[in-house]
Structures are given as structure tokens and as C-alpha cells.
């Protein structure tokens, strides 16, 4: 069983294979939840931790957008505000 499998995020064989391939390719992968008050990382593969250059626990406890340049942070915040105003059908 992959260490990513939890009660909240059960993985099938395909998902486990994708994560394994991402590790072998040294691709940083993060699972991010978008919920108030903002996006937060709930899981980071080892390559993501290396690429982001901070301890895993620090990355998990700070806003996900904190690793982005300020212009991208502002763009995502504006996009999120626009999306929250859309009617849900």
C-alpha cells in the first residue's frame, strides 16, 4: 500500500502506478485542497519537497500559494474570488 492512501484519499492501482511513475521521473507532486480560508497542501511527494526547498512539515502548514511569486498569488486570489461568485446549479 502506498503511503498516500488514507481514509480520506483511498488509492486504486492506477493512482498508485501514477504516483510511482512520478517518483521515478523525479516529478514533484502535491495534493492541494481548495477550501476556506485558502488552498493548502495535504500531501507532498519527496520530489516536490526537494524542488520546493523547505521541510515537508513547513510546506504542509503554510498556504499552498506561498511558494508562488507574488504576481501568481494575486492572480490566483482574483480567480478564486471570481469563481466563488458564480452560481452553483
C-alpha atoms as a PDB file:
ATOM      1  CA  UNK A   1       0.000   0.000   0.000  1.00  0.00           C
ATOM      2  CA  UNK A   2       1.326   3.446  -0.923  1.00  0.00           C
ATOM      3  CA  UNK A   3       1.902   5.899   1.948  1.00  0.00           C
ATOM      4  CA  UNK A   4      -0.553   8.288   0.276  1.00  0.00           C
ATOM      5  CA  UNK A   5      -3.508   6.015   0.933  1.00  0.00           C
ATOM      6  CA  UNK A   6      -5.589   7.331   3.800  1.00  0.00           C
ATOM      7  CA  UNK A   7      -9.236   7.123   4.767  1.00  0.00           C
ATOM      8  CA  UNK A   8      -9.771  10.485   3.063  1.00  0.00           C
ATOM      9  CA  UNK A   9      -7.763   9.599  -0.058  1.00  0.00           C
ATOM     10  CA  UNK A  10      -8.051   5.901  -0.948  1.00  0.00           C
ATOM     11  CA  UNK A  11      -5.933   4.944  -3.940  1.00  0.00           C
ATOM     12  CA  UNK A  12      -6.620   2.402  -6.591  1.00  0.00           C
ATOM     13  CA  UNK A  13      -3.937   0.573  -8.513  1.00  0.00           C
ATOM     14  CA  UNK A  14      -3.918   3.161 -11.318  1.00  0.00           C
ATOM     15  CA  UNK A  15      -3.373   6.075  -8.948  1.00  0.00           C
ATOM     16  CA  UNK A  16      -0.591   4.197  -7.153  1.00  0.00           C
ATOM     17  CA  UNK A  17       1.067   3.487 -10.512  1.00  0.00           C
ATOM     18  CA  UNK A  18       0.868   7.167 -11.472  1.00  0.00           C
ATOM     19  CA  UNK A  19       2.478   8.220  -8.190  1.00  0.00           C
ATOM     20  CA  UNK A  20       5.187   5.597  -8.616  1.00  0.00           C
ATOM     21  CA  UNK A  21       5.906   6.841 -12.161  1.00  0.00           C
ATOM     22  CA  UNK A  22       6.058  10.445 -10.927  1.00  0.00           C
ATOM     23  CA  UNK A  23       8.617   9.418  -8.299  1.00  0.00           C
ATOM     24  CA  UNK A  24      10.762   7.557 -10.812  1.00  0.00           C
ATOM     25  CA  UNK A  25      10.638  10.571 -13.162  1.00  0.00           C
ATOM     26  CA  UNK A  26      11.564  12.867 -10.247  1.00  0.00           C
ATOM     27  CA  UNK A  27       8.382  14.899 -10.744  1.00  0.00           C
ATOM     28  CA  UNK A  28       7.273  16.934  -7.763  1.00  0.00           C
ATOM     29  CA  UNK A  29       3.655  16.194  -6.974  1.00  0.00           C
ATOM     30  CA  UNK A  30       1.475  17.899  -4.410  1.00  0.00           C
ATOM     31  CA  UNK A  31      -2.144  17.260  -3.487  1.00  0.00           C
ATOM     32  CA  UNK A  32      -3.811  20.541  -2.645  1.00  0.00           C
ATOM     33  CA  UNK A  33      -7.275  21.136  -1.229  1.00  0.00           C
ATOM     34  CA  UNK A  34      -9.132  24.301  -2.127  1.00  0.00           C
ATOM     35  CA  UNK A  35     -11.236  25.212   0.859  1.00  0.00           C
ATOM     36  CA  UNK A  36     -11.705  28.265   3.057  1.00  0.00           C
ATOM     37  CA  UNK A  37      -9.584  30.098   4.011  1.00  0.00           C
ATOM     38  CA  UNK A  38      -7.493  29.032   1.001  1.00  0.00           C
ATOM     39  CA  UNK A  39      -5.523  26.327  -0.737  1.00  0.00           C
ATOM     40  CA  UNK A  40      -3.465  24.030   1.460  1.00  0.00           C
ATOM     41  CA  UNK A  41      -1.228  21.104   0.667  1.00  0.00           C
ATOM     42  CA  UNK A  42      -2.310  17.835   2.236  1.00  0.00           C
ATOM     43  CA  UNK A  43       0.362  15.650   0.660  1.00  0.00           C
ATOM     44  CA  UNK A  44       3.757  16.162  -0.974  1.00  0.00           C
ATOM     45  CA  UNK A  45       5.850  13.551  -2.761  1.00  0.00           C
ATOM     46  CA  UNK A  46       9.573  13.561  -1.940  1.00  0.00           C
ATOM     47  CA  UNK A  47      10.481  15.210  -5.255  1.00  0.00           C
ATOM     48  CA  UNK A  48       8.089  18.097  -4.510  1.00  0.00           C
ATOM     49  CA  UNK A  49       9.740  18.659  -1.144  1.00  0.00           C
ATOM     50  CA  UNK A  50      13.171  18.730  -2.805  1.00  0.00           C
ATOM     51  CA  UNK A  51      12.004  21.093  -5.552  1.00  0.00           C
ATOM     52  CA  UNK A  52      10.316  23.498  -3.133  1.00  0.00           C
ATOM     53  CA  UNK A  53      13.357  23.571  -0.855  1.00  0.00           C
ATOM     54  CA  UNK A  54      11.607  23.583   2.512  1.00  0.00           C
ATOM     55  CA  UNK A  55      10.877  20.915   5.111  1.00  0.00           C
ATOM     56  CA  UNK A  56       7.750  18.836   4.399  1.00  0.00           C
ATOM     57  CA  UNK A  57       6.037  19.842   7.651  1.00  0.00           C
ATOM     58  CA  UNK A  58       6.581  23.528   6.891  1.00  0.00           C
ATOM     59  CA  UNK A  59       5.110  23.126   3.399  1.00  0.00           C
ATOM     60  CA  UNK A  60       2.095  21.293   4.806  1.00  0.00           C
ATOM     61  CA  UNK A  61       1.368  24.006   7.372  1.00  0.00           C
ATOM     62  CA  UNK A  62       1.644  27.116   5.234  1.00  0.00           C
ATOM     63  CA  UNK A  63      -0.654  28.262   2.418  1.00  0.00           C
ATOM     64  CA  UNK A  64      -0.036  26.328  -0.793  1.00  0.00           C
ATOM     65  CA  UNK A  65       0.350  29.550  -2.778  1.00  0.00           C
ATOM     66  CA  UNK A  66       3.235  30.694  -0.578  1.00  0.00           C
ATOM     67  CA  UNK A  67       5.693  29.007  -2.953  1.00  0.00           C
ATOM     68  CA  UNK A  68       4.472  31.098  -5.888  1.00  0.00           C
ATOM     69  CA  UNK A  69       5.730  34.515  -6.930  1.00  0.00           C
ATOM     70  CA  UNK A  70       3.539  37.378  -5.695  1.00  0.00           C
ATOM     71  CA  UNK A  71       2.049  38.085  -9.154  1.00  0.00           C
ATOM     72  CA  UNK A  72       0.799  34.495  -9.407  1.00  0.00           C
ATOM     73  CA  UNK A  73      -0.525  34.614  -5.850  1.00  0.00           C
ATOM     74  CA  UNK A  74      -2.573  37.713  -6.724  1.00  0.00           C
ATOM     75  CA  UNK A  75      -3.818  36.166  -9.980  1.00  0.00           C
ATOM     76  CA  UNK A  76      -4.979  33.001  -8.200  1.00  0.00           C
ATOM     77  CA  UNK A  77      -6.652  35.006  -5.451  1.00  0.00           C
ATOM     78  CA  UNK A  78      -8.562  37.074  -8.033  1.00  0.00           C
ATOM     79  CA  UNK A  79      -9.565  33.926  -9.907  1.00  0.00           C
ATOM     80  CA  UNK A  80     -10.759  32.316  -6.690  1.00  0.00           C
ATOM     81  CA  UNK A  81     -12.870  35.354  -5.821  1.00  0.00           C
ATOM     82  CA  UNK A  82     -14.460  35.331  -9.298  1.00  0.00           C
ATOM     83  CA  UNK A  83     -15.180  31.596  -9.029  1.00  0.00           C
ATOM     84  CA  UNK A  84     -16.797  31.972  -5.623  1.00  0.00           C
ATOM     85  CA  UNK A  85     -19.303  34.440  -7.102  1.00  0.00           C
ATOM     86  CA  UNK A  86     -20.539  32.018  -9.773  1.00  0.00           C
ATOM     87  CA  UNK A  87     -23.957  30.478  -9.156  1.00  0.00           C
ATOM     88  CA  UNK A  88     -23.978  26.784  -8.355  1.00  0.00           C
ATOM     89  CA  UNK A  89     -26.518  24.872 -10.432  1.00  0.00           C
END
